[in-house]
C-alpha atoms as a PDB file:
ATOM      1  CA  MET A   1      21.345  20.771 -24.334  1.00  0.00           C
ATOM      2  CA  LYS A   2      18.314  19.988 -22.215  1.00  0.00           C
ATOM      3  CA  LYS A   3      18.247  16.845 -20.096  1.00  0.00           C
ATOM      4  CA  THR A   4      15.719  14.203 -21.141  1.00  0.00           C
ATOM      5  CA  VAL A   5      12.920  13.273 -18.757  1.00  0.00           C
ATOM      6  CA  VAL A   6      10.894  10.179 -19.606  1.00  0.00           C
ATOM      7  CA  VAL A   7       7.393  10.350 -18.126  1.00  0.00           C
ATOM      8  CA  THR A   8       6.097   6.797 -17.724  1.00  0.00           C
ATOM      9  CA  ASN A   9       2.449   7.451 -16.848  1.00  0.00           C
ATOM     10  CA  TYR A  10      -0.088  10.214 -16.424  1.00  0.00           C
ATOM     11  CA  PHE A  11      -0.414  11.465 -12.847  1.00  0.00           C
ATOM     12  CA  LEU A  12      -2.050  14.472 -11.228  1.00  0.00           C
ATOM     13  CA  ASN A  13       0.195  17.451 -10.498  1.00  0.00           C
ATOM     14  CA  THR A  14       0.340  21.222 -10.852  1.00  0.00           C
ATOM     15  CA  LYS A  15       3.949  21.546 -12.043  1.00  0.00           C
ATOM     16  CA  MET A  16       4.353  19.625 -15.310  1.00  0.00           C
ATOM     17  CA  ASP A  17       4.588  22.856 -17.316  1.00  0.00           C
ATOM     18  CA  GLU A  18       7.767  23.689 -15.421  1.00  0.00           C
ATOM     19  CA  VAL A  19       9.206  20.275 -16.287  1.00  0.00           C
ATOM     20  CA  LYS A  20       8.400  20.756 -19.983  1.00  0.00           C
ATOM     21  CA  GLU A  21       9.994  24.200 -19.901  1.00  0.00           C
ATOM     22  CA  LYS A  22      13.267  23.014 -18.386  1.00  0.00           C
ATOM     23  CA  PHE A  23      13.631  19.531 -19.905  1.00  0.00           C
ATOM     24  CA  ARG A  24      13.096  17.562 -23.071  1.00  0.00           C
ATOM     25  CA  VAL A  25      10.100  15.416 -22.162  1.00  0.00           C
ATOM     26  CA  ILE A  26       9.266  12.034 -23.703  1.00  0.00           C
ATOM     27  CA  GLU A  27       5.925  10.488 -22.775  1.00  0.00           C
ATOM     28  CA  ALA A  28       6.325   6.705 -22.686  1.00  0.00           C
ATOM     29  CA  TYR A  29       3.157   5.347 -21.121  1.00  0.00           C
ATOM     30  CA  LYS A  30       3.369   1.941 -22.823  1.00  0.00           C
ATOM     31  CA  SER A  31       6.028  -0.570 -21.828  1.00  0.00           C
ATOM     32  CA  ASP A  32       7.290  -1.183 -25.364  1.00  0.00           C
ATOM     33  CA  VAL A  33       7.819   2.556 -25.850  1.00  0.00           C
ATOM     34  CA  LEU A  34       9.451   2.996 -22.455  1.00  0.00           C
ATOM     35  CA  TYR A  35      12.053   0.294 -22.944  1.00  0.00           C
ATOM     36  CA  LYS A  36      13.011   1.739 -26.343  1.00  0.00           C
ATOM     37  CA  VAL A  37      13.692   5.205 -24.948  1.00  0.00           C
ATOM     38  CA  LEU A  38      15.417   4.173 -21.704  1.00  0.00           C
ATOM     39  CA  PRO A  39      18.909   4.765 -23.184  1.00  0.00           C
ATOM     40  CA  GLU A  40      17.941   8.415 -23.796  1.00  0.00           C
ATOM     41  CA  ALA A  41      16.652   9.089 -20.288  1.00  0.00           C
ATOM     42  CA  ASP A  42      18.490  11.334 -17.859  1.00  0.00           C
ATOM     43  CA  ALA A  43      15.513  11.029 -15.534  1.00  0.00           C
ATOM     44  CA  ILE A  44      12.374   8.950 -15.174  1.00  0.00           C
ATOM     45  CA  LEU A  45       9.258  10.581 -13.785  1.00  0.00           C
ATOM     46  CA  GLY A  46       6.471   8.153 -12.930  1.00  0.00           C
ATOM     47  CA  GLY A  47       5.940   4.865 -11.139  1.00  0.00           C
ATOM     48  CA  ARG A  48       3.850   2.381 -13.055  1.00  0.00           C
ATOM     49  CA  HIS A  49       6.413   0.191 -14.812  1.00  0.00           C
ATOM     50  CA  HIS A  50       8.730  -2.440 -13.380  1.00  0.00           C
ATOM     51  CA  LEU A  51      12.426  -1.694 -13.770  1.00  0.00           C
ATOM     52  CA  SER A  52      14.715  -4.678 -13.227  1.00  0.00           C
ATOM     53  CA  ALA A  53      18.494  -4.848 -13.014  1.00  0.00           C
ATOM     54  CA  SER A  54      18.700  -5.763 -16.713  1.00  0.00           C
ATOM     55  CA  ASP A  55      16.495  -2.796 -17.623  1.00  0.00           C
ATOM     56  CA  LEU A  56      18.784  -0.493 -15.682  1.00  0.00           C
ATOM     57  CA  ASP A  57      21.772  -1.824 -17.612  1.00  0.00           C
ATOM     58  CA  ALA A  58      20.275  -0.148 -20.688  1.00  0.00           C
ATOM     59  CA  CYS A  59      20.007   3.218 -18.919  1.00  0.00           C
ATOM     60  CA  GLU A  60      23.249   4.774 -20.064  1.00  0.00           C
ATOM     61  CA  ASN A  61      22.443   8.308 -18.886  1.00  0.00           C
ATOM     62  CA  LEU A  62      19.867   7.775 -16.148  1.00  0.00           C
ATOM     63  CA  LYS A  63      20.578   9.701 -12.960  1.00  0.00           C
ATOM     64  CA  ILE A  64      17.253   9.802 -11.082  1.00  0.00           C
ATOM     65  CA  ILE A  65      13.899   8.048 -10.842  1.00  0.00           C
ATOM     66  CA  ALA A  66      11.262  10.239  -9.189  1.00  0.00           C
ATOM     67  CA  GLN A  67       8.027   8.389  -8.424  1.00  0.00           C
ATOM     68  CA  PRO A  68       4.676  10.008  -7.531  1.00  0.00           C
ATOM     69  CA  THR A  69       3.984   6.979  -5.334  1.00  0.00           C
ATOM     70  CA  ALA A  70       4.876   5.918  -1.813  1.00  0.00           C
ATOM     71  CA  GLY A  71       5.765   2.354  -2.784  1.00  0.00           C
ATOM     72  CA  PHE A  72       8.828   1.567  -4.850  1.00  0.00           C
ATOM     73  CA  ASP A  73       8.747  -2.237  -5.035  1.00  0.00           C
ATOM     74  CA  ASN A  74       8.585  -1.930  -8.836  1.00  0.00           C
ATOM     75  CA  ILE A  75      12.234  -0.843  -8.867  1.00  0.00           C
ATOM     76  CA  ASP A  76      15.384  -2.816  -8.125  1.00  0.00           C
ATOM     77  CA  ILE A  77      16.762  -0.379  -5.543  1.00  0.00           C
ATOM     78  CA  PRO A  78      20.156  -2.081  -4.950  1.00  0.00           C
ATOM     79  CA  SER A  79      20.776  -2.087  -8.710  1.00  0.00           C
ATOM     80  CA  CYS A  80      19.861   1.590  -8.888  1.00  0.00           C
ATOM     81  CA  THR A  81      22.355   2.355  -6.158  1.00  0.00           C
ATOM     82  CA  SER A  82      25.103   0.337  -7.854  1.00  0.00           C
ATOM     83  CA  HIS A  83      24.352   2.127 -11.140  1.00  0.00           C
ATOM     84  CA  GLY A  84      24.496   5.509  -9.412  1.00  0.00           C
ATOM     85  CA  ILE A  85      20.790   6.179  -9.911  1.00  0.00           C
ATOM     86  CA  GLN A  86      18.996   8.187  -7.242  1.00  0.00           C
ATOM     87  CA  VAL A  87      15.458   7.016  -6.395  1.00  0.00           C
ATOM     88  CA  CYS A  88      12.884   9.262  -4.727  1.00  0.00           C
ATOM     89  CA  ASN A  89       9.302   8.560  -3.727  1.00  0.00           C
ATOM     90  CA  SER A  90       6.305  10.598  -2.617  1.00  0.00           C
ATOM     91  CA  PRO A  91       5.070   9.322   0.743  1.00  0.00           C
ATOM     92  CA  SER A  92       2.619  12.084   1.675  1.00  0.00           C
ATOM     93  CA  LEU A  93      -0.439   9.846   1.757  1.00  0.00           C
ATOM     94  CA  SER A  94      -0.456   8.651   5.339  1.00  0.00           C
ATOM     95  CA  MET A  95      -3.638  10.427   6.404  1.00  0.00           C
ATOM     96  CA  GLU A  96      -5.698   9.199   3.456  1.00  0.00           C
ATOM     97  CA  VAL A  97      -4.442   5.609   3.612  1.00  0.00           C
ATOM     98  CA  SER A  98      -5.157   5.471   7.339  1.00  0.00           C
ATOM     99  CA  ASP A  99      -8.705   6.622   6.537  1.00  0.00           C
ATOM    100  CA  ILE A 100      -9.131   3.662   4.172  1.00  0.00           C
ATOM    101  CA  ALA A 101      -7.725   1.345   6.853  1.00  0.00           C
ATOM    102  CA  LEU A 102     -10.384   2.529   9.278  1.00  0.00           C
ATOM    103  CA  PHE A 103     -13.087   1.909   6.675  1.00  0.00           C
ATOM    104  CA  HIS A 104     -11.776  -1.623   6.089  1.00  0.00           C
ATOM    105  CA  ILE A 105     -11.687  -2.343   9.829  1.00  0.00           C
ATOM    106  CA  ILE A 106     -15.339  -1.369  10.129  1.00  0.00           C
ATOM    107  CA  ASN A 107     -16.190  -3.112   6.865  1.00  0.00           C
ATOM    108  CA  ALA A 108     -14.584  -6.396   7.904  1.00  0.00           C
ATOM    109  CA  MET A 109     -16.374  -6.383  11.229  1.00  0.00           C
ATOM    110  CA  ARG A 110     -19.790  -5.135  10.026  1.00  0.00           C
ATOM    111  CA  LYS A 111     -19.909  -6.622   6.473  1.00  0.00           C
ATOM    112  CA  CYS A 112     -20.855  -3.293   4.909  1.00  0.00           C
ATOM    113  CA  THR A 113     -19.810  -3.968   1.308  1.00  0.00           C
ATOM    114  CA  TYR A 114     -21.254  -7.481   1.412  1.00  0.00           C
ATOM    115  CA  THR A 115     -24.669  -6.235   2.472  1.00  0.00           C
ATOM    116  CA  ASN A 116     -24.403  -3.470  -0.126  1.00  0.00           C
ATOM    117  CA  GLU A 117     -24.078  -6.152  -2.804  1.00  0.00           C
ATOM    118  CA  LEU A 118     -27.100  -7.992  -1.394  1.00  0.00           C
ATOM    119  CA  VAL A 119     -29.194  -4.842  -1.638  1.00  0.00           C
ATOM    120  CA  LYS A 120     -28.077  -4.213  -5.224  1.00  0.00           C
ATOM    121  CA  ARG A 121     -29.049  -7.781  -6.115  1.00  0.00           C
ATOM    122  CA  ASN A 122     -32.508  -7.065  -4.642  1.00  0.00           C
ATOM    123  CA  GLN A 123     -31.792  -9.393  -1.739  1.00  0.00           C
ATOM    124  CA  TRP A 124     -32.633  -6.884   0.975  1.00  0.00           C
ATOM    125  CA  PRO A 125     -31.798  -8.408   4.347  1.00  0.00           C
ATOM    126  CA  ASP A 126     -34.678  -8.514   6.760  1.00  0.00           C
ATOM    127  CA  ARG A 127     -34.962  -9.023  10.488  1.00  0.00           C
ATOM    128  CA  SER A 128     -36.344 -12.534  10.374  1.00  0.00           C
ATOM    129  CA  GLY A 129     -32.958 -14.186  10.550  1.00  0.00           C
ATOM    130  CA  THR A 130     -31.539 -13.567   7.073  1.00  0.00           C
ATOM    131  CA  THR A 131     -29.554 -10.451   7.949  1.00  0.00           C
ATOM    132  CA  PRO A 132     -25.810 -11.231   7.959  1.00  0.00           C
ATOM    133  CA  LEU A 133     -24.612 -10.450  11.461  1.00  0.00           C
ATOM    134  CA  GLY A 134     -21.367  -8.633  12.050  1.00  0.00           C
ATOM    135  CA  ASN A 135     -19.338  -8.230  15.229  1.00  0.00           C
ATOM    136  CA  GLU A 136     -18.944  -5.513  17.824  1.00  0.00           C
ATOM    137  CA  ILE A 137     -15.804  -3.415  17.491  1.00  0.00           C
ATOM    138  CA  ASN A 138     -15.555  -1.920  20.977  1.00  0.00           C
ATOM    139  CA  HIS A 139     -12.752  -3.472  23.081  1.00  0.00           C
ATOM    140  CA  LYS A 140     -11.590  -5.775  20.301  1.00  0.00           C
ATOM    141  CA  LYS A 141      -7.821  -6.193  19.964  1.00  0.00           C
ATOM    142  CA  LEU A 142      -6.246  -4.464  16.957  1.00  0.00           C
ATOM    143  CA  PHE A 143      -2.759  -5.618  15.923  1.00  0.00           C
ATOM    144  CA  VAL A 144      -0.972  -3.239  13.539  1.00  0.00           C
ATOM    145  CA  ILE A 145       1.907  -4.802  11.614  1.00  0.00           C
ATOM    146  CA  GLY A 146       3.991  -1.940  10.281  1.00  0.00           C
ATOM    147  CA  TYR A 147       4.070   0.832  12.867  1.00  0.00           C
ATOM    148  CA  GLY A 148       5.389   3.710  10.751  1.00  0.00           C
ATOM    149  CA  ASN A 149       3.583   6.939   9.907  1.00  0.00           C
ATOM    150  CA  ILE A 150       0.528   5.149   8.534  1.00  0.00           C
ATOM    151  CA  GLY A 151       0.460   2.565  11.313  1.00  0.00           C
ATOM    152  CA  LYS A 152       0.590   5.263  13.960  1.00  0.00           C
ATOM    153  CA  LEU A 153      -2.296   7.140  12.362  1.00  0.00           C
ATOM    154  CA  ILE A 154      -4.326   3.936  12.119  1.00  0.00           C
ATOM    155  CA  ALA A 155      -3.814   3.336  15.833  1.00  0.00           C
ATOM    156  CA  LYS A 156      -4.702   6.937  16.675  1.00  0.00           C
ATOM    157  CA  LYS A 157      -7.943   6.810  14.704  1.00  0.00           C
ATOM    158  CA  ALA A 158      -8.829   3.270  15.790  1.00  0.00           C
ATOM    159  CA  ARG A 159      -8.682   4.331  19.414  1.00  0.00           C
ATOM    160  CA  VAL A 160     -11.861   6.337  18.815  1.00  0.00           C
ATOM    161  CA  LEU A 161     -13.621   3.052  18.028  1.00  0.00           C
ATOM    162  CA  GLY A 162     -12.688   1.713  21.444  1.00  0.00           C
ATOM    163  CA  LEU A 163     -10.167  -0.831  20.179  1.00  0.00           C
ATOM    164  CA  ASP A 164      -7.324  -2.144  22.343  1.00  0.00           C
ATOM    165  CA  LEU A 165      -4.138  -1.310  20.447  1.00  0.00           C
ATOM    166  CA  TYR A 166      -1.100  -3.493  19.733  1.00  0.00           C
ATOM    167  CA  GLY A 167       1.835  -3.002  17.374  1.00  0.00           C
ATOM    168  CA  TYR A 168       4.470  -5.367  16.031  1.00  0.00           C
ATOM    169  CA  SER A 169       7.406  -5.002  18.401  1.00  0.00           C
ATOM    170  CA  ARG A 170       9.958  -5.164  15.585  1.00  0.00           C
ATOM    171  CA  HIS A 171       9.027  -1.569  14.796  1.00  0.00           C
ATOM    172  CA  PHE A 172       9.420  -0.198  18.313  1.00  0.00           C
ATOM    173  CA  THR A 173      11.015  -1.583  21.448  1.00  0.00           C
ATOM    174  CA  GLN A 174       8.617  -0.519  24.189  1.00  0.00           C
ATOM    175  CA  ASP A 175       5.001   0.418  24.661  1.00  0.00           C
ATOM    176  CA  ASP A 176       4.474   3.481  22.525  1.00  0.00           C
ATOM    177  CA  VAL A 177       2.511   6.170  24.360  1.00  0.00           C
ATOM    178  CA  GLN A 178       0.910   8.908  22.267  1.00  0.00           C
ATOM    179  CA  HIS A 179      -1.608  11.577  23.176  1.00  0.00           C
ATOM    180  CA  GLY A 180      -2.582   9.812  26.379  1.00  0.00           C
ATOM    181  CA  TYR A 181      -3.150   6.332  24.977  1.00  0.00           C
ATOM    182  CA  THR A 182      -0.933   3.291  24.729  1.00  0.00           C
ATOM    183  CA  VAL A 183      -0.039   0.974  21.863  1.00  0.00           C
ATOM    184  CA  HIS A 184       1.471  -2.188  23.318  1.00  0.00           C
ATOM    185  CA  ALA A 185       4.550  -3.670  21.671  1.00  0.00           C
ATOM    186  CA  ILE A 186       4.076  -7.364  20.946  1.00  0.00           C
ATOM    187  CA  GLY A 187       5.753 -10.091  18.905  1.00  0.00           C
ATOM    188  CA  LEU A 188       4.393 -11.263  15.562  1.00  0.00           C
ATOM    189  CA  GLU A 189       3.178 -14.710  16.599  1.00  0.00           C
ATOM    190  CA  GLU A 190       1.725 -13.494  19.887  1.00  0.00           C
ATOM    191  CA  GLY A 191      -0.006 -10.604  18.141  1.00  0.00           C
ATOM    192  CA  LEU A 192      -1.569 -12.860  15.520  1.00  0.00           C
ATOM    193  CA  LYS A 193      -2.809 -15.207  18.232  1.00  0.00           C
ATOM    194  CA  ILE A 194      -4.547 -12.568  20.346  1.00  0.00           C
ATOM    195  CA  ALA A 195      -5.777 -10.177  17.636  1.00  0.00           C
ATOM    196  CA  ASP A 196      -9.387  -9.786  16.638  1.00  0.00           C
ATOM    197  CA  ILE A 197      -8.281  -7.544  13.757  1.00  0.00           C
ATOM    198  CA  VAL A 198      -4.899  -7.553  12.033  1.00  0.00           C
ATOM    199  CA  VAL A 199      -3.959  -4.549   9.886  1.00  0.00           C
ATOM    200  CA  LEU A 200      -1.014  -4.643   7.482  1.00  0.00           C
ATOM    201  CA  ALA A 201       0.704  -1.279   6.982  1.00  0.00           C
ATOM    202  CA  LEU A 202       4.268  -2.196   6.026  1.00  0.00           C
ATOM    203  CA  PRO A 203       6.295  -2.082   2.790  1.00  0.00           C
ATOM    204  CA  LEU A 204       6.599  -5.049   0.449  1.00  0.00           C
ATOM    205  CA  THR A 205      10.158  -6.410   0.566  1.00  0.00           C
ATOM    206  CA  LYS A 206      11.798  -9.795   0.189  1.00  0.00           C
ATOM    207  CA  GLU A 207      11.337 -10.246   3.931  1.00  0.00           C
ATOM    208  CA  THR A 208       7.657  -9.251   4.007  1.00  0.00           C
ATOM    209  CA  HIS A 209       6.569 -11.054   0.832  1.00  0.00           C
ATOM    210  CA  HIS A 210       3.867 -13.558   1.877  1.00  0.00           C
ATOM    211  CA  LEU A 211       4.402 -12.682   5.533  1.00  0.00           C
ATOM    212  CA  ILE A 212       0.772 -13.688   5.897  1.00  0.00           C
ATOM    213  CA  ASN A 213       0.602 -17.286   4.670  1.00  0.00           C
ATOM    214  CA  ALA A 214      -0.976 -20.595   5.604  1.00  0.00           C
ATOM    215  CA  LYS A 215       1.261 -20.915   8.664  1.00  0.00           C
ATOM    216  CA  THR A 216       0.668 -17.425  10.054  1.00  0.00           C
ATOM    217  CA  LEU A 217      -3.046 -17.490   9.234  1.00  0.00           C
ATOM    218  CA  ALA A 218      -3.348 -20.695  11.256  1.00  0.00           C
ATOM    219  CA  LEU A 219      -2.154 -18.777  14.325  1.00  0.00           C
ATOM    220  CA  MET A 220      -5.140 -16.435  14.215  1.00  0.00           C
ATOM    221  CA  LYS A 221      -8.499 -16.771  15.931  1.00  0.00           C
ATOM    222  CA  LYS A 222     -11.325 -18.258  13.883  1.00  0.00           C
ATOM    223  CA  SER A 223     -13.260 -15.075  14.632  1.00  0.00           C
ATOM    224  CA  ALA A 224     -10.408 -12.817  13.469  1.00  0.00           C
ATOM    225  CA  THR A 225     -10.325 -10.559  10.438  1.00  0.00           C
ATOM    226  CA  ILE A 226      -7.400  -9.222   8.424  1.00  0.00           C
ATOM    227  CA  VAL A 227      -7.085  -5.853   6.684  1.00  0.00           C
ATOM    228  CA  ASN A 228      -4.448  -4.974   4.081  1.00  0.00           C
ATOM    229  CA  ILE A 229      -3.883  -1.393   2.932  1.00  0.00           C
ATOM    230  CA  ALA A 230      -0.184  -1.857   2.135  1.00  0.00           C
ATOM    231  CA  ARG A 231       0.828  -4.125  -0.776  1.00  0.00           C
ATOM    232  CA  GLY A 232      -0.949  -7.204  -2.099  1.00  0.00           C
ATOM    233  CA  GLY A 233       2.143  -9.406  -2.071  1.00  0.00           C
ATOM    234  CA  ILE A 234       2.371  -9.300   1.720  1.00  0.00           C
ATOM    235  CA  ILE A 235      -0.479 -11.838   1.776  1.00  0.00           C
ATOM    236  CA  ASP A 236      -0.368 -15.215   0.042  1.00  0.00           C
ATOM    237  CA  THR A 237      -3.727 -14.859  -1.697  1.00  0.00           C
ATOM    238  CA  GLU A 238      -4.183 -18.581  -2.311  1.00  0.00           C
ATOM    239  CA  ALA A 239      -3.610 -19.320   1.370  1.00  0.00           C
ATOM    240  CA  LEU A 240      -5.951 -16.488   2.386  1.00  0.00           C
ATOM    241  CA  ILE A 241      -8.763 -17.765   0.175  1.00  0.00           C
ATOM    242  CA  GLU A 242      -8.422 -21.252   1.618  1.00  0.00           C
ATOM    243  CA  ALA A 243      -8.398 -19.852   5.165  1.00  0.00           C
ATOM    244  CA  LEU A 244     -11.575 -17.875   4.482  1.00  0.00           C
ATOM    245  CA  GLN A 245     -13.370 -20.759   2.814  1.00  0.00           C
ATOM    246  CA  THR A 246     -12.480 -23.273   5.520  1.00  0.00           C
ATOM    247  CA  GLY A 247     -13.170 -21.048   8.529  1.00  0.00           C
ATOM    248  CA  VAL A 248      -9.558 -20.599   9.660  1.00  0.00           C
ATOM    249  CA  ILE A 249     -10.380 -16.878   9.955  1.00  0.00           C
ATOM    250  CA  SER A 250     -13.655 -15.015   9.700  1.00  0.00           C
ATOM    251  CA  ALA A 251     -13.089 -12.353   7.048  1.00  0.00           C
ATOM    252  CA  ALA A 252     -10.618 -10.207   5.141  1.00  0.00           C
ATOM    253  CA  SER A 253     -11.051  -6.668   3.845  1.00  0.00           C
ATOM    254  CA  LEU A 254      -8.411  -5.561   1.356  1.00  0.00           C
ATOM    255  CA  ASP A 255      -7.535  -2.418  -0.561  1.00  0.00           C
ATOM    256  CA  VAL A 256      -4.663  -4.275  -2.253  1.00  0.00           C
ATOM    257  CA  ILE A 257      -4.301  -7.805  -3.574  1.00  0.00           C
ATOM    258  CA  GLU A 258      -1.821  -9.824  -5.608  1.00  0.00           C
ATOM    259  CA  GLY A 259      -2.357  -9.612  -9.358  1.00  0.00           C
ATOM    260  CA  GLU A 260      -4.493  -6.496  -9.309  1.00  0.00           C
ATOM    261  CA  PRO A 261      -6.550  -5.650 -11.267  1.00  0.00           C
ATOM    262  CA  LEU A 262      -8.257  -9.012 -10.870  1.00  0.00           C
ATOM    263  CA  ALA A 263      -9.979 -10.817 -13.710  1.00  0.00           C
ATOM    264  CA  SER A 264     -13.731 -11.269 -13.292  1.00  0.00           C
ATOM    265  CA  ASP A 265     -13.244 -15.015 -12.821  1.00  0.00           C
ATOM    266  CA  ALA A 266     -10.357 -14.747 -10.339  1.00  0.00           C
ATOM    267  CA  PRO A 267     -10.831 -17.047  -7.316  1.00  0.00           C
ATOM    268  CA  ALA A 268     -10.835 -14.072  -4.946  1.00  0.00           C
ATOM    269  CA  MET A 269     -13.915 -12.683  -6.667  1.00  0.00           C
ATOM    270  CA  MET A 270     -15.944 -15.713  -5.624  1.00  0.00           C
ATOM    271  CA  VAL A 271     -15.340 -15.493  -1.853  1.00  0.00           C
ATOM    272  CA  ASP A 272     -18.202 -13.826   0.042  1.00  0.00           C
ATOM    273  CA  ASN A 273     -16.171 -13.041   3.161  1.00  0.00           C
ATOM    274  CA  LEU A 274     -13.336 -11.422   1.186  1.00  0.00           C
ATOM    275  CA  TYR A 275     -14.145  -7.721   0.693  1.00  0.00           C
ATOM    276  CA  LEU A 276     -12.237  -5.627  -1.846  1.00  0.00           C
ATOM    277  CA  THR A 277     -11.649  -2.024  -2.852  1.00  0.00           C
ATOM    278  CA  PRO A 278      -9.468  -1.295  -5.915  1.00  0.00           C
ATOM    279  CA  HIS A 279      -6.283   0.140  -4.343  1.00  0.00           C
ATOM    280  CA  ILE A 280      -7.845   3.514  -3.538  1.00  0.00           C
ATOM    281  CA  GLY A 281      -5.939   4.339  -0.350  1.00  0.00           C
ATOM    282  CA  SER A 282      -4.442   7.516  -1.808  1.00  0.00           C
ATOM    283  CA  SER A 283      -7.218   8.168  -4.315  1.00  0.00           C
ATOM    284  CA  THR A 284      -8.194  11.724  -3.554  1.00  0.00           C
ATOM    285  CA  VAL A 285      -7.556  14.647  -5.887  1.00  0.00           C
ATOM    286  CA  GLN A 286      -5.652  16.539  -3.206  1.00  0.00           C
ATOM    287  CA  THR A 287      -3.416  13.596  -2.280  1.00  0.00           C
ATOM    288  CA  ARG A 288      -2.551  12.661  -5.843  1.00  0.00           C
ATOM    289  CA  GLU A 289      -1.719  16.262  -6.772  1.00  0.00           C
ATOM    290  CA  ARG A 290       0.462  16.588  -3.688  1.00  0.00           C
ATOM    291  CA  MET A 291       2.304  13.352  -4.471  1.00  0.00           C
ATOM    292  CA  GLY A 292       2.760  14.349  -8.125  1.00  0.00           C
ATOM    293  CA  ASP A 293       4.199  17.700  -7.111  1.00  0.00           C
ATOM    294  CA  GLU A 294       6.537  15.988  -4.635  1.00  0.00           C
ATOM    295  CA  ALA A 295       7.924  13.802  -7.410  1.00  0.00           C
ATOM    296  CA  ILE A 296       8.488  16.823  -9.643  1.00  0.00           C
ATOM    297  CA  ASP A 297      10.085  18.772  -6.777  1.00  0.00           C
ATOM    298  CA  ASN A 298      12.510  15.904  -6.230  1.00  0.00           C
ATOM    299  CA  LEU A 299      13.362  15.913  -9.935  1.00  0.00           C
ATOM    300  CA  LEU A 300      13.917  19.678 -10.037  1.00  0.00           C
ATOM    301  CA  CYS A 301      15.941  19.716  -6.807  1.00  0.00           C
ATOM    302  CA  PHE A 302      18.192  16.923  -8.058  1.00  0.00           C
ATOM    303  CA  PHE A 303      19.249  18.770 -11.208  1.00  0.00           C
ATOM    304  CA  GLU A 304      19.533  22.061  -9.330  1.00  0.00           C
ATOM    305  CA  GLY A 305      21.859  20.469  -6.772  1.00  0.00           C
ATOM    306  CA  LYS A 306      19.429  21.020  -3.888  1.00  0.00           C
ATOM    307  CA  ALA A 307      18.555  18.654  -1.051  1.00  0.00           C
ATOM    308  CA  LEU A 308      15.984  15.989  -1.900  1.00  0.00           C
ATOM    309  CA  THR A 309      12.846  15.732   0.204  1.00  0.00           C
ATOM    310  CA  HIS A 310      12.248  11.992  -0.098  1.00  0.00           C
ATOM    311  CA  PRO A 311      15.325  10.011  -1.169  1.00  0.00           C
ATOM    312  CA  VAL A 312      14.865   6.234  -1.053  1.00  0.00           C
ATOM    313  CA  ASN A 313      18.486   5.151  -1.481  1.00  0.00           C
ATOM    314  CA  THR A 314      21.693   6.678  -0.180  1.00  0.00           C
ATOM    315  CA  MET A 315      24.239   7.572  -2.815  1.00  0.00           C
ATOM    316  CA  LYS A 316      27.982   7.531  -2.165  1.00  0.00           C
END
């Protein structure tokens, strides 16, 4: 009898025909459908829905969750491990996400999307004093919090802009020298105090939830900007909005935000110095297909007894 794979959302890939050939496939894109079929699932393929410990209790046959996403904060990983459920992700998006980070750095400093909105509202800035002025980027201090694959690429690309590079010392113990340039290791509080630009490139965990809050924002320069291309929950949005409105910091440019997608009347939508893109860090055809294929490869390898490429948890 074929194993049952529950596909929880549509995602780009080139290998779904192989899955349908080898497995019984149930498409459960809606939450109410998904939770009804969980007891039948030998595998879950997809990454949109939240799976709590109580949800996993209903998964009598589940052996693997393969997500076509890099993040896995929608899954209770310790519960998966205790239930004997392997979790795999698809992290091959570093290059594209670092590209978006670079855009947001420039955007936060030069107010590109803000002036775009002015033009579209027929409020073309002129040179008589109404043009919103940005800030120079050259020789500003960039502090990267989360110095993994994405953080390293951000630093590498940001060097071309002439930025002085710093990384949160928790992620490496000495100055990290790459390709002839140096990223200085620095503590969190010190980094926030000296940075002109702070970029968040770390996973969302219990420890990093609201890492950026009223207290840490108050450490930053009034002229500083913050960029988030990681997960929305790393920033306390309410505290960020207050900091932007009261001049605690200068601007924020975000690809991710708590509660996305935002309602049209959400407080964040009313803040002129808060610039947003709709979580598009990995939104290229090539990246999404690659990540989808990685998830399917993990699924196929698991049931064929082969080594997994991107296991999240370690099984006993």
